[in-house]
Amino acid sequence: MRESVGRSLLRSLGESYIIYTYGIESIGAMLARSVAAVNALLMLHADVPLPLAKVAQLVGQPYAVTASALKTLEKRGLAVRSTRAGQDEFAPNRESPYYPMSYSLALVDLPISKPLLGHTIYTAYAYGSLSRPGGGNPSSDLDLMLVVRFPDEEARAAMASDLALFLSARLHRPIDPWILAPKEAEDLLREQDPHLVEALKGVRIMGGLE
């Protein structure tokens, strides 16, 4: 079973997917663009908790907009506030029953298209330890598989570099993009390539392979 972009499917190693349907529409509606960007940062950044100014800088939003987004997440129980050296800092609330859902939405809301402007992304998945809520650690890399059309190997390497640099600067963790051409993806899927099969067990960000 696969997840849709609007619903989060979560997978533990050796287990089947679980679909969290309770309140998904209300949570999805609540995560408007600015809130979704802040949620994605808090869920995936290696160094949380983060001060408000740092969150605003990393997501590229005005201070007031970011403050409002954090207040919304805090009111919904998805973020927690702490104080260090007299400064408020924010982190994801891993005790919330909605934490798994919000974590998967954070992966879906990753701004993977920003560094790849001008390219069509047919499919994108997050996989590996960080595709699971609570998985990985601050030094874990984020594994991404993308199917993108590109003219040559130089373009493939440039896309991988641009994506890794953009997201690693934003999330302060290593990013490991695996970029495939459509024909490559089709061939690997037909052959049931273990790496591709594992990637498809992760969280679907967009598109899909059949």
N, C-alpha and C. Protein backbone atom coordinates (compact mmCIF):
# COMPACT_ATOMS: atom_id res chain seq x y z
N MET A 1 0.85 -1.20 0.00
CA MET A 1 0.00 0.00 0.00
C MET A 1 0.88 1.23 0.00
N ARG A 2 0.50 2.24 -0.73
CA ARG A 2 1.28 3.48 -0.80
C ARG A 2 0.47 4.63 -0.27
N GLU A 3 1.22 5.65 0.13
CA GLU A 3 0.58 6.83 0.66
C GLU A 3 0.28 7.82 -0.44
N SER A 4 -0.71 8.67 -0.22
CA SER A 4 -0.96 9.79 -1.11
C SER A 4 -0.32 11.02 -0.47
N VAL A 5 -0.16 12.07 -1.27
CA VAL A 5 0.48 13.27 -0.75
C VAL A 5 -0.33 13.86 0.38
N GLY A 6 -1.65 13.75 0.35
CA GLY A 6 -2.49 14.34 1.36
C GLY A 6 -2.67 13.49 2.59
N ARG A 7 -2.11 12.25 2.62
CA ARG A 7 -2.24 11.39 3.78
C ARG A 7 -0.87 10.84 4.11
N SER A 8 -0.60 10.65 5.38
CA SER A 8 0.74 10.21 5.75
C SER A 8 0.72 8.73 6.06
N LEU A 9 1.62 7.98 5.43
CA LEU A 9 1.79 6.59 5.74
C LEU A 9 3.15 6.43 6.38
N LEU A 10 3.16 5.76 7.49
CA LEU A 10 4.36 5.65 8.28
C LEU A 10 4.75 4.20 8.35
N ARG A 11 6.04 3.94 8.32
CA ARG A 11 6.50 2.57 8.26
C ARG A 11 7.66 2.36 9.20
N SER A 12 7.58 1.34 10.03
CA SER A 12 8.70 0.90 10.83
C SER A 12 9.34 -0.28 10.14
N LEU A 13 10.62 -0.51 10.42
CA LEU A 13 11.31 -1.60 9.77
C LEU A 13 10.60 -2.91 10.04
N GLY A 14 10.33 -3.67 8.99
CA GLY A 14 9.71 -4.97 9.14
C GLY A 14 8.22 -4.92 9.37
N GLU A 15 7.65 -3.73 9.34
CA GLU A 15 6.22 -3.60 9.58
C GLU A 15 5.53 -3.02 8.36
N SER A 16 4.23 -3.22 8.28
CA SER A 16 3.46 -2.66 7.18
C SER A 16 3.15 -1.21 7.50
N TYR A 17 2.63 -0.51 6.50
CA TYR A 17 2.26 0.88 6.69
C TYR A 17 1.05 1.01 7.58
N ILE A 18 1.02 2.12 8.30
CA ILE A 18 -0.15 2.49 9.11
C ILE A 18 -0.65 3.81 8.57
N ILE A 19 -1.93 3.91 8.31
CA ILE A 19 -2.51 5.16 7.82
C ILE A 19 -3.16 5.88 8.99
N TYR A 20 -2.70 7.10 9.27
CA TYR A 20 -3.31 7.91 10.31
C TYR A 20 -4.37 8.78 9.66
N THR A 21 -5.62 8.45 9.90
CA THR A 21 -6.71 9.19 9.25
C THR A 21 -7.38 10.18 10.19
N TYR A 22 -7.19 10.02 11.51
CA TYR A 22 -7.90 10.89 12.42
C TYR A 22 -7.37 12.31 12.29
N GLY A 23 -8.28 13.25 11.99
CA GLY A 23 -7.94 14.65 11.94
C GLY A 23 -7.01 15.06 10.81
N ILE A 24 -6.82 14.20 9.82
CA ILE A 24 -5.84 14.51 8.77
C ILE A 24 -6.24 15.74 7.98
N GLU A 25 -7.54 15.89 7.70
CA GLU A 25 -7.99 17.04 6.92
C GLU A 25 -7.75 18.34 7.70
N SER A 26 -8.06 18.32 9.00
CA SER A 26 -7.89 19.54 9.78
C SER A 26 -6.42 19.89 9.94
N ILE A 27 -5.56 18.88 10.14
CA ILE A 27 -4.14 19.15 10.26
C ILE A 27 -3.58 19.64 8.93
N GLY A 28 -3.96 18.98 7.84
CA GLY A 28 -3.47 19.39 6.53
C GLY A 28 -3.88 20.79 6.18
N ALA A 29 -5.14 21.16 6.51
CA ALA A 29 -5.61 22.51 6.24
C ALA A 29 -4.89 23.53 7.09
N MET A 30 -4.57 23.12 8.33
CA MET A 30 -3.88 24.03 9.24
C MET A 30 -2.47 24.36 8.75
N LEU A 31 -1.83 23.38 8.15
CA LEU A 31 -0.46 23.59 7.70
C LEU A 31 -0.44 24.35 6.37
N ALA A 32 -0.85 25.59 6.43
CA ALA A 32 -0.75 26.48 5.27
C ALA A 32 0.72 26.65 4.93
N ARG A 33 0.98 27.30 3.84
CA ARG A 33 2.34 27.31 3.32
C ARG A 33 3.38 27.76 4.33
N SER A 34 3.12 28.87 5.03
CA SER A 34 4.11 29.35 5.98
C SER A 34 4.27 28.41 7.16
N VAL A 35 3.15 27.88 7.63
CA VAL A 35 3.19 26.95 8.76
C VAL A 35 3.86 25.64 8.33
N ALA A 36 3.56 25.19 7.12
CA ALA A 36 4.16 23.96 6.62
C ALA A 36 5.68 24.09 6.52
N ALA A 37 6.15 25.25 6.08
CA ALA A 37 7.60 25.45 5.97
C ALA A 37 8.27 25.40 7.33
N VAL A 38 7.64 26.00 8.33
CA VAL A 38 8.20 25.99 9.68
C VAL A 38 8.13 24.59 10.27
N ASN A 39 7.02 23.90 10.05
CA ASN A 39 6.87 22.54 10.53
C ASN A 39 7.96 21.63 9.94
N ALA A 40 8.20 21.75 8.64
CA ALA A 40 9.22 20.93 7.99
C ALA A 40 10.59 21.20 8.58
N LEU A 41 10.88 22.45 8.87
CA LEU A 41 12.18 22.80 9.43
C LEU A 41 12.35 22.21 10.83
N LEU A 42 11.35 22.40 11.68
CA LEU A 42 11.46 21.90 13.06
C LEU A 42 11.57 20.38 13.09
N MET A 43 10.81 19.71 12.25
CA MET A 43 10.80 18.26 12.26
C MET A 43 12.12 17.66 11.78
N LEU A 44 12.80 18.33 10.85
CA LEU A 44 13.93 17.71 10.17
C LEU A 44 15.28 18.36 10.46
N HIS A 45 15.31 19.52 11.10
CA HIS A 45 16.58 20.17 11.38
C HIS A 45 17.37 19.38 12.41
N ALA A 46 18.67 19.33 12.22
CA ALA A 46 19.52 18.51 13.09
C ALA A 46 19.74 19.13 14.47
N ASP A 47 19.53 20.44 14.61
CA ASP A 47 19.94 21.13 15.83
C ASP A 47 18.80 21.75 16.62
N VAL A 48 17.60 21.21 16.53
CA VAL A 48 16.51 21.76 17.34
C VAL A 48 16.80 21.51 18.82
N PRO A 49 16.35 22.42 19.72
CA PRO A 49 15.47 23.57 19.47
C PRO A 49 16.20 24.75 18.84
N LEU A 50 15.40 25.57 18.13
CA LEU A 50 15.94 26.71 17.41
C LEU A 50 15.23 27.99 17.85
N PRO A 51 15.97 29.11 17.95
CA PRO A 51 15.31 30.39 18.25
C PRO A 51 14.49 30.87 17.07
N LEU A 52 13.52 31.70 17.35
CA LEU A 52 12.59 32.19 16.33
C LEU A 52 13.33 32.85 15.16
N ALA A 53 14.30 33.69 15.48
CA ALA A 53 15.02 34.42 14.42
C ALA A 53 15.73 33.44 13.48
N LYS A 54 16.27 32.37 14.03
CA LYS A 54 16.96 31.38 13.20
C LYS A 54 15.98 30.64 12.31
N VAL A 55 14.81 30.31 12.86
CA VAL A 55 13.77 29.65 12.06
C VAL A 55 13.37 30.55 10.89
N ALA A 56 13.12 31.83 11.18
CA ALA A 56 12.73 32.77 10.13
C ALA A 56 13.80 32.87 9.05
N GLN A 57 15.06 32.92 9.46
CA GLN A 57 16.17 33.02 8.50
C GLN A 57 16.22 31.78 7.60
N LEU A 58 16.10 30.61 8.19
CA LEU A 58 16.26 29.37 7.43
C LEU A 58 15.10 29.12 6.47
N VAL A 59 13.89 29.47 6.86
CA VAL A 59 12.76 29.24 5.96
C VAL A 59 12.55 30.41 5.00
N GLY A 60 13.26 31.52 5.22
CA GLY A 60 13.15 32.66 4.32
C GLY A 60 11.83 33.38 4.41
N GLN A 61 11.31 33.48 5.63
CA GLN A 61 10.03 34.17 5.85
C GLN A 61 10.24 35.37 6.78
N PRO A 62 9.37 36.38 6.70
CA PRO A 62 9.46 37.49 7.65
C PRO A 62 9.32 37.01 9.09
N TYR A 63 9.93 37.75 9.99
CA TYR A 63 9.91 37.40 11.41
C TYR A 63 8.48 37.24 11.93
N ALA A 64 7.62 38.20 11.60
CA ALA A 64 6.25 38.16 12.11
C ALA A 64 5.48 36.96 11.57
N VAL A 65 5.68 36.62 10.30
CA VAL A 65 5.01 35.47 9.71
C VAL A 65 5.47 34.18 10.39
N THR A 66 6.78 34.10 10.64
CA THR A 66 7.33 32.91 11.30
C THR A 66 6.83 32.81 12.73
N ALA A 67 6.75 33.92 13.43
CA ALA A 67 6.24 33.92 14.80
C ALA A 67 4.81 33.43 14.83
N SER A 68 4.00 33.86 13.87
CA SER A 68 2.61 33.42 13.80
C SER A 68 2.53 31.92 13.51
N ALA A 69 3.39 31.44 12.61
CA ALA A 69 3.40 30.02 12.28
C ALA A 69 3.79 29.18 13.49
N LEU A 70 4.80 29.61 14.23
CA LEU A 70 5.22 28.88 15.42
C LEU A 70 4.12 28.88 16.49
N LYS A 71 3.44 30.02 16.62
CA LYS A 71 2.33 30.10 17.58
C LYS A 71 1.22 29.12 17.20
N THR A 72 0.95 29.00 15.89
CA THR A 72 -0.07 28.06 15.43
C THR A 72 0.35 26.63 15.75
N LEU A 73 1.59 26.29 15.45
CA LEU A 73 2.07 24.93 15.74
C LEU A 73 2.05 24.65 17.25
N GLU A 74 2.41 25.66 18.03
CA GLU A 74 2.41 25.49 19.48
C GLU A 74 0.99 25.28 20.01
N LYS A 75 0.04 26.06 19.52
CA LYS A 75 -1.35 25.93 19.94
C LYS A 75 -1.92 24.57 19.58
N ARG A 76 -1.49 24.03 18.44
CA ARG A 76 -1.96 22.72 18.00
C ARG A 76 -1.22 21.57 18.69
N GLY A 77 -0.27 21.91 19.54
CA GLY A 77 0.46 20.87 20.25
C GLY A 77 1.54 20.20 19.43
N LEU A 78 1.93 20.82 18.30
CA LEU A 78 2.93 20.22 17.42
C LEU A 78 4.33 20.77 17.65
N ALA A 79 4.45 21.86 18.42
CA ALA A 79 5.74 22.45 18.75
C ALA A 79 5.77 22.78 20.23
N VAL A 80 6.95 22.72 20.81
CA VAL A 80 7.11 23.08 22.22
C VAL A 80 8.13 24.20 22.33
N ARG A 81 7.88 25.07 23.29
CA ARG A 81 8.74 26.24 23.52
C ARG A 81 9.59 26.00 24.77
N SER A 82 10.84 26.37 24.70
CA SER A 82 11.72 26.33 25.87
C SER A 82 12.49 27.65 25.90
N THR A 83 13.20 27.90 26.99
CA THR A 83 13.95 29.14 27.13
C THR A 83 15.40 28.82 27.48
N ARG A 84 16.31 29.45 26.74
CA ARG A 84 17.73 29.29 27.02
C ARG A 84 18.38 30.66 26.94
N ALA A 85 19.09 31.02 27.98
CA ALA A 85 19.74 32.33 28.07
C ALA A 85 18.75 33.46 27.79
N GLY A 86 17.52 33.31 28.31
CA GLY A 86 16.50 34.34 28.15
C GLY A 86 15.88 34.40 26.78
N GLN A 87 16.16 33.44 25.92
CA GLN A 87 15.64 33.45 24.55
C GLN A 87 14.75 32.24 24.32
N ASP A 88 13.57 32.48 23.75
CA ASP A 88 12.66 31.39 23.43
C ASP A 88 13.20 30.56 22.28
N GLU A 89 13.09 29.24 22.42
CA GLU A 89 13.49 28.32 21.36
C GLU A 89 12.36 27.32 21.12
N PHE A 90 12.32 26.74 19.93
CA PHE A 90 11.21 25.88 19.54
C PHE A 90 11.72 24.55 18.99
N ALA A 91 10.95 23.52 19.29
CA ALA A 91 11.29 22.17 18.83
C ALA A 91 9.99 21.42 18.55
N PRO A 92 10.05 20.34 17.80
CA PRO A 92 8.82 19.55 17.59
C PRO A 92 8.40 18.87 18.88
N ASN A 93 7.11 18.72 19.05
CA ASN A 93 6.57 18.01 20.21
C ASN A 93 6.43 16.53 19.88
N ARG A 94 7.44 15.77 20.23
CA ARG A 94 7.45 14.34 19.89
C ARG A 94 6.47 13.53 20.73
N GLU A 95 5.89 14.16 21.75
CA GLU A 95 4.91 13.47 22.59
C GLU A 95 3.49 13.62 22.05
N SER A 96 3.29 14.48 21.09
CA SER A 96 1.95 14.69 20.54
C SER A 96 1.49 13.45 19.76
N PRO A 97 0.22 13.08 19.88
CA PRO A 97 -0.29 11.97 19.07
C PRO A 97 -0.26 12.27 17.58
N TYR A 98 -0.14 13.55 17.24
CA TYR A 98 -0.09 13.95 15.84
C TYR A 98 1.34 14.08 15.32
N TYR A 99 2.31 13.80 16.18
CA TYR A 99 3.71 13.92 15.75
C TYR A 99 4.03 13.06 14.53
N PRO A 100 3.65 11.77 14.48
CA PRO A 100 3.97 10.97 13.28
C PRO A 100 3.39 11.57 12.01
N MET A 101 2.16 12.06 12.10
CA MET A 101 1.51 12.66 10.94
C MET A 101 2.23 13.95 10.51
N SER A 102 2.57 14.79 11.49
CA SER A 102 3.24 16.04 11.18
C SER A 102 4.63 15.79 10.62
N TYR A 103 5.28 14.74 11.08
CA TYR A 103 6.61 14.42 10.57
C TYR A 103 6.53 14.01 9.10
N SER A 104 5.56 13.17 8.77
CA SER A 104 5.41 12.76 7.37
C SER A 104 5.03 13.95 6.48
N LEU A 105 4.18 14.84 6.99
CA LEU A 105 3.84 16.04 6.23
C LEU A 105 5.08 16.92 6.03
N ALA A 106 5.98 16.93 7.01
CA ALA A 106 7.21 17.69 6.86
C ALA A 106 8.03 17.17 5.69
N LEU A 107 8.10 15.87 5.52
CA LEU A 107 8.83 15.29 4.39
C LEU A 107 8.15 15.65 3.07
N VAL A 108 6.83 15.55 3.06
CA VAL A 108 6.07 15.88 1.84
C VAL A 108 6.26 17.35 1.47
N ASP A 109 6.41 18.21 2.48
CA ASP A 109 6.53 19.65 2.25
C ASP A 109 7.96 20.11 2.02
N LEU A 110 8.92 19.20 1.93
CA LEU A 110 10.30 19.61 1.65
C LEU A 110 10.35 20.41 0.35
N PRO A 111 11.04 21.54 0.33
CA PRO A 111 11.09 22.38 -0.89
C PRO A 111 12.09 21.85 -1.91
N ILE A 112 11.87 20.62 -2.38
CA ILE A 112 12.84 20.00 -3.30
C ILE A 112 12.84 20.65 -4.68
N SER A 113 11.74 21.32 -5.04
CA SER A 113 11.67 21.91 -6.38
C SER A 113 12.43 23.23 -6.48
N LYS A 114 12.66 23.92 -5.36
CA LYS A 114 13.31 25.23 -5.40
C LYS A 114 14.69 25.18 -6.04
N PRO A 115 15.56 24.26 -5.65
CA PRO A 115 16.88 24.24 -6.29
C PRO A 115 16.89 23.58 -7.66
N LEU A 116 15.75 23.04 -8.07
CA LEU A 116 15.68 22.34 -9.36
C LEU A 116 14.74 23.05 -10.33
N LEU A 117 14.67 24.36 -10.23
CA LEU A 117 13.80 25.14 -11.12
C LEU A 117 14.17 24.89 -12.58
N GLY A 118 13.15 24.70 -13.40
CA GLY A 118 13.38 24.43 -14.81
C GLY A 118 13.42 22.95 -15.13
N HIS A 119 13.40 22.12 -14.11
CA HIS A 119 13.40 20.68 -14.31
C HIS A 119 12.06 20.10 -13.85
N THR A 120 11.57 19.11 -14.55
CA THR A 120 10.34 18.43 -14.16
C THR A 120 10.67 17.24 -13.28
N ILE A 121 10.12 17.25 -12.06
CA ILE A 121 10.32 16.13 -11.14
C ILE A 121 9.10 15.21 -11.29
N TYR A 122 9.34 14.00 -11.77
CA TYR A 122 8.25 13.07 -11.98
C TYR A 122 7.90 12.31 -10.70
N THR A 123 8.90 12.01 -9.92
CA THR A 123 8.71 11.22 -8.71
C THR A 123 9.74 11.63 -7.67
N ALA A 124 9.36 11.64 -6.41
CA ALA A 124 10.32 11.90 -5.33
C ALA A 124 9.89 11.16 -4.08
N TYR A 125 10.83 10.49 -3.46
CA TYR A 125 10.61 9.76 -2.20
C TYR A 125 11.71 10.12 -1.21
N ALA A 126 11.34 10.18 0.07
CA ALA A 126 12.31 10.21 1.16
C ALA A 126 12.34 8.81 1.76
N TYR A 127 13.53 8.29 1.99
CA TYR A 127 13.62 6.93 2.52
C TYR A 127 14.78 6.84 3.50
N GLY A 128 14.98 5.68 4.07
CA GLY A 128 16.03 5.52 5.07
C GLY A 128 15.53 5.88 6.46
N SER A 129 16.46 6.00 7.39
CA SER A 129 16.09 6.19 8.80
C SER A 129 15.29 7.46 9.04
N LEU A 130 15.58 8.54 8.33
CA LEU A 130 14.88 9.80 8.56
C LEU A 130 13.50 9.85 7.91
N SER A 131 13.12 8.81 7.20
CA SER A 131 11.76 8.77 6.66
C SER A 131 10.76 8.27 7.70
N ARG A 132 11.27 7.84 8.86
CA ARG A 132 10.41 7.34 9.92
C ARG A 132 10.39 8.32 11.08
N PRO A 133 9.24 8.64 11.63
CA PRO A 133 9.16 9.57 12.76
C PRO A 133 10.05 9.10 13.91
N GLY A 134 10.92 9.99 14.37
CA GLY A 134 11.83 9.63 15.45
C GLY A 134 13.04 8.85 15.00
N GLY A 135 13.15 8.58 13.71
CA GLY A 135 14.27 7.81 13.20
C GLY A 135 15.51 8.67 13.02
N GLY A 136 16.65 8.01 12.94
CA GLY A 136 17.90 8.73 12.72
C GLY A 136 18.36 9.51 13.93
N ASN A 137 19.37 10.33 13.73
CA ASN A 137 19.93 11.17 14.77
C ASN A 137 20.46 12.45 14.11
N PRO A 138 21.00 13.40 14.89
CA PRO A 138 21.43 14.66 14.28
C PRO A 138 22.47 14.53 13.16
N SER A 139 23.21 13.44 13.14
CA SER A 139 24.22 13.28 12.08
C SER A 139 23.73 12.42 10.92
N SER A 140 22.49 11.92 11.01
CA SER A 140 21.96 11.07 9.94
C SER A 140 21.74 11.89 8.67
N ASP A 141 22.02 11.26 7.52
CA ASP A 141 21.72 11.95 6.27
C ASP A 141 20.29 11.67 5.85
N LEU A 142 19.76 12.56 5.05
CA LEU A 142 18.40 12.42 4.52
C LEU A 142 18.51 11.85 3.11
N ASP A 143 18.00 10.64 2.92
CA ASP A 143 18.05 9.96 1.63
C ASP A 143 16.85 10.36 0.78
N LEU A 144 17.10 10.82 -0.43
CA LEU A 144 16.05 11.22 -1.36
C LEU A 144 16.25 10.50 -2.69
N MET A 145 15.17 10.00 -3.26
CA MET A 145 15.20 9.42 -4.59
C MET A 145 14.28 10.26 -5.47
N LEU A 146 14.83 10.75 -6.60
CA LEU A 146 14.05 11.57 -7.52
C LEU A 146 14.17 11.03 -8.93
N VAL A 147 13.06 11.08 -9.65
CA VAL A 147 13.07 10.76 -11.07
C VAL A 147 12.89 12.07 -11.82
N VAL A 148 13.93 12.46 -12.57
CA VAL A 148 13.97 13.75 -13.25
C VAL A 148 14.56 13.54 -14.64
N ARG A 149 14.04 14.25 -15.61
CA ARG A 149 14.63 14.18 -16.95
C ARG A 149 15.80 15.17 -17.03
N PHE A 150 16.94 14.69 -17.53
CA PHE A 150 18.11 15.54 -17.64
C PHE A 150 18.86 15.18 -18.93
N PRO A 151 19.62 16.12 -19.50
CA PRO A 151 20.24 15.89 -20.81
C PRO A 151 21.49 15.02 -20.77
N ASP A 152 22.26 15.08 -19.65
CA ASP A 152 23.52 14.33 -19.62
C ASP A 152 23.97 14.14 -18.18
N GLU A 153 25.08 13.44 -18.00
CA GLU A 153 25.58 13.13 -16.66
C GLU A 153 26.02 14.39 -15.91
N GLU A 154 26.51 15.35 -16.65
CA GLU A 154 26.91 16.61 -16.00
C GLU A 154 25.70 17.29 -15.37
N ALA A 155 24.58 17.27 -16.08
CA ALA A 155 23.35 17.87 -15.55
C ALA A 155 22.85 17.09 -14.34
N ARG A 156 22.96 15.76 -14.39
CA ARG A 156 22.54 14.94 -13.24
C ARG A 156 23.37 15.31 -12.00
N ALA A 157 24.68 15.40 -12.19
CA ALA A 157 25.56 15.73 -11.07
C ALA A 157 25.27 17.12 -10.52
N ALA A 158 24.98 18.06 -11.42
CA ALA A 158 24.68 19.43 -10.99
C ALA A 158 23.39 19.48 -10.19
N MET A 159 22.37 18.73 -10.63
CA MET A 159 21.10 18.70 -9.90
C MET A 159 21.29 18.11 -8.51
N ALA A 160 22.04 17.02 -8.42
CA ALA A 160 22.28 16.38 -7.13
C ALA A 160 23.02 17.34 -6.19
N SER A 161 24.01 18.03 -6.74
CA SER A 161 24.78 18.98 -5.93
C SER A 161 23.92 20.15 -5.47
N ASP A 162 23.13 20.72 -6.38
CA ASP A 162 22.28 21.86 -6.03
C ASP A 162 21.27 21.48 -4.95
N LEU A 163 20.65 20.31 -5.10
CA LEU A 163 19.65 19.87 -4.13
C LEU A 163 20.29 19.62 -2.77
N ALA A 164 21.44 18.95 -2.76
CA ALA A 164 22.12 18.64 -1.51
C ALA A 164 22.56 19.92 -0.79
N LEU A 165 23.14 20.85 -1.53
CA LEU A 165 23.60 22.10 -0.91
C LEU A 165 22.45 22.91 -0.35
N PHE A 166 21.34 22.99 -1.11
CA PHE A 166 20.20 23.78 -0.66
C PHE A 166 19.58 23.20 0.61
N LEU A 167 19.32 21.91 0.61
CA LEU A 167 18.64 21.31 1.77
C LEU A 167 19.57 21.15 2.96
N SER A 168 20.84 20.89 2.73
CA SER A 168 21.76 20.74 3.87
C SER A 168 21.96 22.08 4.58
N ALA A 169 21.98 23.17 3.81
CA ALA A 169 22.08 24.49 4.43
C ALA A 169 20.83 24.80 5.26
N ARG A 170 19.71 24.33 4.79
CA ARG A 170 18.43 24.59 5.47
C ARG A 170 18.26 23.71 6.71
N LEU A 171 18.64 22.44 6.60
CA LEU A 171 18.37 21.47 7.66
C LEU A 171 19.60 21.13 8.51
N HIS A 172 20.75 21.62 8.12
CA HIS A 172 22.01 21.40 8.84
C HIS A 172 22.29 19.90 9.03
N ARG A 173 22.07 19.15 7.98
CA ARG A 173 22.39 17.73 8.01
C ARG A 173 22.75 17.29 6.59
N PRO A 174 23.48 16.18 6.44
CA PRO A 174 23.84 15.71 5.09
C PRO A 174 22.60 15.28 4.30
N ILE A 175 22.64 15.56 3.02
CA ILE A 175 21.56 15.16 2.11
C ILE A 175 22.16 14.24 1.05
N ASP A 176 21.51 13.10 0.81
CA ASP A 176 22.02 12.12 -0.15
C ASP A 176 20.99 11.92 -1.26
N PRO A 177 21.06 12.72 -2.34
CA PRO A 177 20.08 12.57 -3.42
C PRO A 177 20.50 11.46 -4.39
N TRP A 178 19.53 10.65 -4.78
CA TRP A 178 19.72 9.63 -5.81
C TRP A 178 18.81 10.02 -6.97
N ILE A 179 19.40 10.53 -8.04
CA ILE A 179 18.62 11.06 -9.16
C ILE A 179 18.66 10.07 -10.32
N LEU A 180 17.47 9.69 -10.78
CA LEU A 180 17.32 8.73 -11.87
C LEU A 180 16.60 9.37 -13.04
N ALA A 181 16.98 8.97 -14.25
CA ALA A 181 16.20 9.31 -15.44
C ALA A 181 14.96 8.41 -15.48
N PRO A 182 13.88 8.85 -16.13
CA PRO A 182 12.66 8.02 -16.19
C PRO A 182 12.91 6.60 -16.68
N LYS A 183 13.71 6.43 -17.74
CA LYS A 183 13.98 5.10 -18.28
C LYS A 183 14.76 4.25 -17.27
N GLU A 184 15.71 4.87 -16.58
CA GLU A 184 16.45 4.15 -15.54
C GLU A 184 15.52 3.65 -14.45
N ALA A 185 14.62 4.50 -14.01
CA ALA A 185 13.69 4.13 -12.96
C ALA A 185 12.80 2.98 -13.41
N GLU A 186 12.32 3.04 -14.64
CA GLU A 186 11.47 1.97 -15.18
C GLU A 186 12.23 0.65 -15.22
N ASP A 187 13.47 0.69 -15.68
CA ASP A 187 14.28 -0.53 -15.78
C ASP A 187 14.56 -1.11 -14.40
N LEU A 188 14.92 -0.26 -13.45
CA LEU A 188 15.21 -0.74 -12.10
C LEU A 188 13.97 -1.30 -11.42
N LEU A 189 12.84 -0.67 -11.68
CA LEU A 189 11.59 -1.17 -11.11
C LEU A 189 11.25 -2.54 -11.69
N ARG A 190 11.40 -2.69 -12.98
CA ARG A 190 11.12 -3.97 -13.62
C ARG A 190 12.04 -5.07 -13.08
N GLU A 191 13.29 -4.71 -12.79
CA GLU A 191 14.26 -5.66 -12.27
C GLU A 191 14.13 -5.86 -10.76
N GLN A 192 13.26 -5.09 -10.13
CA GLN A 192 13.10 -5.11 -8.67
C GLN A 192 14.43 -4.87 -7.97
N ASP A 193 15.11 -3.83 -8.42
CA ASP A 193 16.38 -3.43 -7.82
C ASP A 193 16.18 -3.18 -6.32
N PRO A 194 17.00 -3.80 -5.45
CA PRO A 194 16.78 -3.67 -4.00
C PRO A 194 16.83 -2.24 -3.49
N HIS A 195 17.74 -1.43 -4.05
CA HIS A 195 17.83 -0.03 -3.61
C HIS A 195 16.56 0.73 -3.95
N LEU A 196 16.05 0.54 -5.15
CA LEU A 196 14.83 1.22 -5.55
C LEU A 196 13.63 0.71 -4.75
N VAL A 197 13.57 -0.59 -4.55
CA VAL A 197 12.46 -1.16 -3.77
C VAL A 197 12.45 -0.57 -2.37
N GLU A 198 13.63 -0.43 -1.77
CA GLU A 198 13.71 0.17 -0.43
C GLU A 198 13.28 1.63 -0.46
N ALA A 199 13.69 2.37 -1.50
CA ALA A 199 13.30 3.77 -1.59
C ALA A 199 11.79 3.92 -1.69
N LEU A 200 11.14 3.01 -2.41
CA LEU A 200 9.69 3.09 -2.60
C LEU A 200 8.91 2.70 -1.35
N LYS A 201 9.60 2.19 -0.36
CA LYS A 201 8.96 1.91 0.93
C LYS A 201 8.97 3.13 1.85
N GLY A 202 9.60 4.20 1.39
CA GLY A 202 9.66 5.41 2.19
C GLY A 202 8.42 6.27 2.04
N VAL A 203 8.59 7.55 2.25
CA VAL A 203 7.48 8.50 2.17
C VAL A 203 7.48 9.16 0.80
N ARG A 204 6.36 9.07 0.10
CA ARG A 204 6.26 9.65 -1.23
C ARG A 204 6.04 11.16 -1.12
N ILE A 205 6.93 11.91 -1.72
CA ILE A 205 6.82 13.37 -1.71
C ILE A 205 5.96 13.83 -2.88
N MET A 206 6.16 13.22 -4.03
CA MET A 206 5.33 13.52 -5.20
C MET A 206 5.46 12.39 -6.20
N GLY A 207 4.46 12.32 -7.11
CA GLY A 207 4.50 11.34 -8.18
C GLY A 207 4.40 9.91 -7.67
N GLY A 208 5.00 8.99 -8.40
CA GLY A 208 4.97 7.58 -8.02
C GLY A 208 5.43 6.72 -9.17
N LEU A 209 5.81 5.48 -8.85
CA LEU A 209 6.20 4.51 -9.85
C LEU A 209 5.28 3.31 -9.75
N GLU A 210 4.85 2.82 -10.90
CA GLU A 210 3.95 1.67 -10.94
C GLU A 210 4.66 0.51 -11.64
